[in-house]
Amino acid sequence: MKHKASIFGMYVSPEHRGNGIARTLLEKALLQAGNLKSIEQVNLTVVTTNDSAKRLYSSIGFHSYGTEKRAIKYKGEYFDEEYMVLFL
């Protein structure tokens, strides 16, 4: 498992969205991961209905490799999560 890194819980508040902050945060995290010689891939999950986040991740090079149905339950409502990976 030492060859993998994970991005977990990335969030930009609504009033700061659309300014490239999420892209910058992600690029900086990937740069740090790339500097660690043992890291070969970065994994993340994203709620399937979060189209803007999925577009961002895809534009940086992440690829989908599966979906977990009913991965999150919040206030009685279920949400599916898409699994994505970027090979460094």
N, C-alpha and C. Protein backbone atom coordinates (compact mmCIF):
# COMPACT_ATOMS: atom_id res chain seq x y z
N MET A 1 0.81 -1.20 0.00
CA MET A 1 0.00 0.00 0.00
C MET A 1 0.86 1.27 0.00
N LYS A 2 2.17 1.14 0.18
CA LYS A 2 3.04 2.31 0.24
C LYS A 2 3.15 3.04 -1.09
N HIS A 3 2.71 2.42 -2.16
CA HIS A 3 2.81 3.05 -3.48
C HIS A 3 1.60 3.93 -3.80
N LYS A 4 0.64 4.01 -2.87
CA LYS A 4 -0.59 4.76 -3.10
C LYS A 4 -0.72 5.94 -2.14
N ALA A 5 -1.31 7.01 -2.66
CA ALA A 5 -1.71 8.15 -1.83
C ALA A 5 -3.19 8.40 -2.11
N SER A 6 -3.86 9.04 -1.18
CA SER A 6 -5.29 9.33 -1.34
C SER A 6 -5.57 10.80 -1.06
N ILE A 7 -6.48 11.34 -1.86
CA ILE A 7 -7.01 12.68 -1.61
C ILE A 7 -8.35 12.45 -0.91
N PHE A 8 -8.54 13.10 0.22
CA PHE A 8 -9.77 12.89 0.99
C PHE A 8 -10.32 14.22 1.47
N GLY A 9 -11.58 14.48 1.17
CA GLY A 9 -12.28 15.61 1.75
C GLY A 9 -11.89 16.97 1.21
N MET A 10 -11.60 17.09 -0.07
CA MET A 10 -11.29 18.39 -0.63
C MET A 10 -12.57 19.24 -0.74
N TYR A 11 -12.46 20.51 -0.31
CA TYR A 11 -13.64 21.38 -0.31
C TYR A 11 -13.21 22.83 -0.45
N VAL A 12 -13.91 23.55 -1.31
CA VAL A 12 -13.73 25.00 -1.45
C VAL A 12 -15.09 25.64 -1.18
N SER A 13 -15.13 26.60 -0.28
CA SER A 13 -16.41 27.24 0.07
C SER A 13 -17.01 27.93 -1.15
N PRO A 14 -18.35 27.96 -1.22
CA PRO A 14 -19.04 28.49 -2.41
C PRO A 14 -18.58 29.89 -2.83
N GLU A 15 -18.31 30.75 -1.86
CA GLU A 15 -17.93 32.12 -2.22
C GLU A 15 -16.55 32.23 -2.87
N HIS A 16 -15.76 31.15 -2.80
CA HIS A 16 -14.43 31.16 -3.40
C HIS A 16 -14.32 30.25 -4.62
N ARG A 17 -15.41 29.62 -5.01
CA ARG A 17 -15.38 28.73 -6.17
C ARG A 17 -15.26 29.53 -7.46
N GLY A 18 -14.71 28.89 -8.48
CA GLY A 18 -14.57 29.52 -9.79
C GLY A 18 -13.32 30.37 -9.93
N ASN A 19 -12.45 30.34 -8.94
CA ASN A 19 -11.22 31.13 -8.96
C ASN A 19 -9.97 30.29 -9.15
N GLY A 20 -10.14 28.99 -9.40
CA GLY A 20 -8.98 28.11 -9.60
C GLY A 20 -8.36 27.58 -8.33
N ILE A 21 -9.01 27.81 -7.21
CA ILE A 21 -8.45 27.38 -5.93
C ILE A 21 -8.39 25.85 -5.85
N ALA A 22 -9.45 25.18 -6.24
CA ALA A 22 -9.48 23.71 -6.18
C ALA A 22 -8.39 23.11 -7.07
N ARG A 23 -8.24 23.65 -8.28
CA ARG A 23 -7.20 23.16 -9.19
C ARG A 23 -5.82 23.36 -8.58
N THR A 24 -5.59 24.53 -8.00
CA THR A 24 -4.29 24.83 -7.39
C THR A 24 -4.01 23.89 -6.22
N LEU A 25 -5.00 23.68 -5.35
CA LEU A 25 -4.83 22.76 -4.22
C LEU A 25 -4.49 21.36 -4.71
N LEU A 26 -5.22 20.91 -5.70
CA LEU A 26 -5.01 19.56 -6.23
C LEU A 26 -3.64 19.44 -6.88
N GLU A 27 -3.26 20.43 -7.68
CA GLU A 27 -1.95 20.39 -8.34
C GLU A 27 -0.81 20.40 -7.32
N LYS A 28 -0.95 21.18 -6.26
CA LYS A 28 0.08 21.21 -5.21
C LYS A 28 0.17 19.87 -4.49
N ALA A 29 -0.98 19.26 -4.21
CA ALA A 29 -0.97 17.94 -3.56
C ALA A 29 -0.33 16.90 -4.46
N LEU A 30 -0.62 16.95 -5.75
CA LEU A 30 -0.04 15.99 -6.69
C LEU A 30 1.46 16.21 -6.85
N LEU A 31 1.89 17.45 -6.80
CA LEU A 31 3.31 17.75 -6.85
C LEU A 31 4.03 17.15 -5.65
N GLN A 32 3.42 17.31 -4.48
CA GLN A 32 4.00 16.73 -3.27
C GLN A 32 4.06 15.21 -3.36
N ALA A 33 2.98 14.61 -3.86
CA ALA A 33 2.95 13.15 -4.01
C ALA A 33 4.03 12.69 -4.99
N GLY A 34 4.20 13.44 -6.08
CA GLY A 34 5.21 13.10 -7.07
C GLY A 34 6.62 13.21 -6.54
N ASN A 35 6.84 14.08 -5.56
CA ASN A 35 8.16 14.24 -4.95
C ASN A 35 8.52 13.07 -4.03
N LEU A 36 7.52 12.32 -3.63
CA LEU A 36 7.76 11.13 -2.81
C LEU A 36 7.97 9.96 -3.77
N LYS A 37 9.17 9.49 -3.88
CA LYS A 37 9.53 8.49 -4.90
C LYS A 37 8.72 7.20 -4.79
N SER A 38 8.20 6.90 -3.62
CA SER A 38 7.47 5.64 -3.45
C SER A 38 6.03 5.72 -3.97
N ILE A 39 5.50 6.92 -4.18
CA ILE A 39 4.10 7.07 -4.59
C ILE A 39 3.99 6.92 -6.10
N GLU A 40 3.17 5.96 -6.52
CA GLU A 40 2.97 5.67 -7.94
C GLU A 40 1.58 6.05 -8.43
N GLN A 41 0.64 6.19 -7.51
CA GLN A 41 -0.72 6.54 -7.90
C GLN A 41 -1.41 7.30 -6.79
N VAL A 42 -2.38 8.12 -7.20
CA VAL A 42 -3.19 8.89 -6.25
C VAL A 42 -4.65 8.51 -6.50
N ASN A 43 -5.35 8.15 -5.45
CA ASN A 43 -6.75 7.74 -5.53
C ASN A 43 -7.62 8.80 -4.86
N LEU A 44 -8.86 8.88 -5.32
CA LEU A 44 -9.85 9.72 -4.66
C LEU A 44 -11.24 9.19 -4.99
N THR A 45 -12.21 9.65 -4.23
CA THR A 45 -13.61 9.36 -4.54
C THR A 45 -14.35 10.67 -4.63
N VAL A 46 -15.42 10.64 -5.42
CA VAL A 46 -16.24 11.83 -5.60
C VAL A 46 -17.70 11.40 -5.72
N VAL A 47 -18.59 12.13 -5.10
CA VAL A 47 -20.02 11.82 -5.21
C VAL A 47 -20.41 11.92 -6.69
N THR A 48 -21.12 10.95 -7.18
CA THR A 48 -21.40 10.87 -8.62
C THR A 48 -22.19 12.05 -9.15
N THR A 49 -22.89 12.77 -8.30
CA THR A 49 -23.67 13.92 -8.77
C THR A 49 -22.86 15.22 -8.79
N ASN A 50 -21.60 15.18 -8.34
CA ASN A 50 -20.76 16.37 -8.27
C ASN A 50 -20.02 16.53 -9.61
N ASP A 51 -20.73 17.00 -10.61
CA ASP A 51 -20.19 17.08 -11.96
C ASP A 51 -19.00 18.03 -12.07
N SER A 52 -19.02 19.14 -11.35
CA SER A 52 -17.90 20.09 -11.46
C SER A 52 -16.61 19.48 -10.91
N ALA A 53 -16.70 18.76 -9.81
CA ALA A 53 -15.51 18.11 -9.26
C ALA A 53 -15.02 17.01 -10.20
N LYS A 54 -15.94 16.24 -10.75
CA LYS A 54 -15.53 15.17 -11.68
C LYS A 54 -14.85 15.76 -12.91
N ARG A 55 -15.35 16.89 -13.42
CA ARG A 55 -14.71 17.54 -14.57
C ARG A 55 -13.30 18.01 -14.21
N LEU A 56 -13.14 18.59 -13.02
CA LEU A 56 -11.82 19.03 -12.58
C LEU A 56 -10.86 17.84 -12.52
N TYR A 57 -11.27 16.79 -11.82
CA TYR A 57 -10.39 15.63 -11.66
C TYR A 57 -10.02 15.02 -13.02
N SER A 58 -10.98 14.90 -13.89
CA SER A 58 -10.72 14.36 -15.24
C SER A 58 -9.76 15.25 -16.01
N SER A 59 -9.92 16.57 -15.91
CA SER A 59 -9.07 17.49 -16.65
C SER A 59 -7.61 17.42 -16.20
N ILE A 60 -7.39 16.97 -14.97
CA ILE A 60 -6.03 16.84 -14.44
C ILE A 60 -5.45 15.47 -14.78
N GLY A 61 -6.30 14.53 -15.19
CA GLY A 61 -5.80 13.23 -15.60
C GLY A 61 -6.32 12.03 -14.82
N PHE A 62 -7.21 12.27 -13.85
CA PHE A 62 -7.80 11.16 -13.12
C PHE A 62 -8.76 10.39 -14.02
N HIS A 63 -8.81 9.08 -13.82
CA HIS A 63 -9.70 8.21 -14.58
C HIS A 63 -10.59 7.42 -13.62
N SER A 64 -11.83 7.26 -14.00
CA SER A 64 -12.79 6.50 -13.20
C SER A 64 -12.53 5.00 -13.35
N TYR A 65 -12.63 4.27 -12.25
CA TYR A 65 -12.47 2.82 -12.32
C TYR A 65 -13.56 2.06 -11.58
N GLY A 66 -14.59 2.77 -11.13
CA GLY A 66 -15.70 2.06 -10.50
C GLY A 66 -16.60 3.00 -9.72
N THR A 67 -17.73 2.45 -9.33
CA THR A 67 -18.72 3.20 -8.56
C THR A 67 -19.19 2.35 -7.39
N GLU A 68 -19.26 2.95 -6.24
CA GLU A 68 -19.83 2.29 -5.07
C GLU A 68 -21.23 2.84 -4.85
N LYS A 69 -22.22 2.00 -5.01
CA LYS A 69 -23.60 2.39 -4.80
C LYS A 69 -23.86 2.59 -3.30
N ARG A 70 -24.63 3.61 -3.00
CA ARG A 70 -25.03 3.89 -1.62
C ARG A 70 -23.83 3.99 -0.67
N ALA A 71 -22.78 4.63 -1.13
CA ALA A 71 -21.54 4.72 -0.35
C ALA A 71 -21.69 5.64 0.86
N ILE A 72 -22.52 6.65 0.73
CA ILE A 72 -22.73 7.63 1.81
C ILE A 72 -24.22 7.69 2.12
N LYS A 73 -24.52 7.77 3.41
CA LYS A 73 -25.90 7.98 3.83
C LYS A 73 -25.91 9.23 4.69
N TYR A 74 -26.67 10.24 4.24
CA TYR A 74 -26.73 11.52 4.94
C TYR A 74 -28.18 11.93 5.07
N LYS A 75 -28.63 12.08 6.30
CA LYS A 75 -30.01 12.46 6.59
C LYS A 75 -31.01 11.57 5.85
N GLY A 76 -30.72 10.29 5.87
CA GLY A 76 -31.63 9.32 5.28
C GLY A 76 -31.54 9.18 3.77
N GLU A 77 -30.66 9.95 3.12
CA GLU A 77 -30.52 9.89 1.67
C GLU A 77 -29.17 9.25 1.31
N TYR A 78 -29.20 8.37 0.32
CA TYR A 78 -27.98 7.69 -0.12
C TYR A 78 -27.35 8.42 -1.29
N PHE A 79 -26.00 8.35 -1.34
CA PHE A 79 -25.23 8.93 -2.43
C PHE A 79 -24.21 7.90 -2.92
N ASP A 80 -24.08 7.79 -4.23
CA ASP A 80 -23.08 6.91 -4.82
C ASP A 80 -21.76 7.66 -4.93
N GLU A 81 -20.65 6.92 -4.87
CA GLU A 81 -19.34 7.52 -5.03
C GLU A 81 -18.62 6.87 -6.21
N GLU A 82 -17.95 7.71 -6.98
CA GLU A 82 -17.13 7.25 -8.10
C GLU A 82 -15.69 7.18 -7.63
N TYR A 83 -15.01 6.09 -7.95
CA TYR A 83 -13.61 5.90 -7.61
C TYR A 83 -12.77 6.36 -8.80
N MET A 84 -11.74 7.18 -8.50
CA MET A 84 -10.89 7.70 -9.56
C MET A 84 -9.41 7.50 -9.17
N VAL A 85 -8.56 7.37 -10.19
CA VAL A 85 -7.13 7.17 -9.96
C VAL A 85 -6.33 7.98 -10.97
N LEU A 86 -5.18 8.45 -10.53
CA LEU A 86 -4.20 9.10 -11.39
C LEU A 86 -2.88 8.36 -11.17
N PHE A 87 -2.34 7.78 -12.24
CA PHE A 87 -1.05 7.11 -12.15
C PHE A 87 0.04 8.14 -12.43
N LEU A 88 0.99 8.24 -11.52
CA LEU A 88 2.05 9.25 -11.66
C LEU A 88 3.18 8.73 -12.54
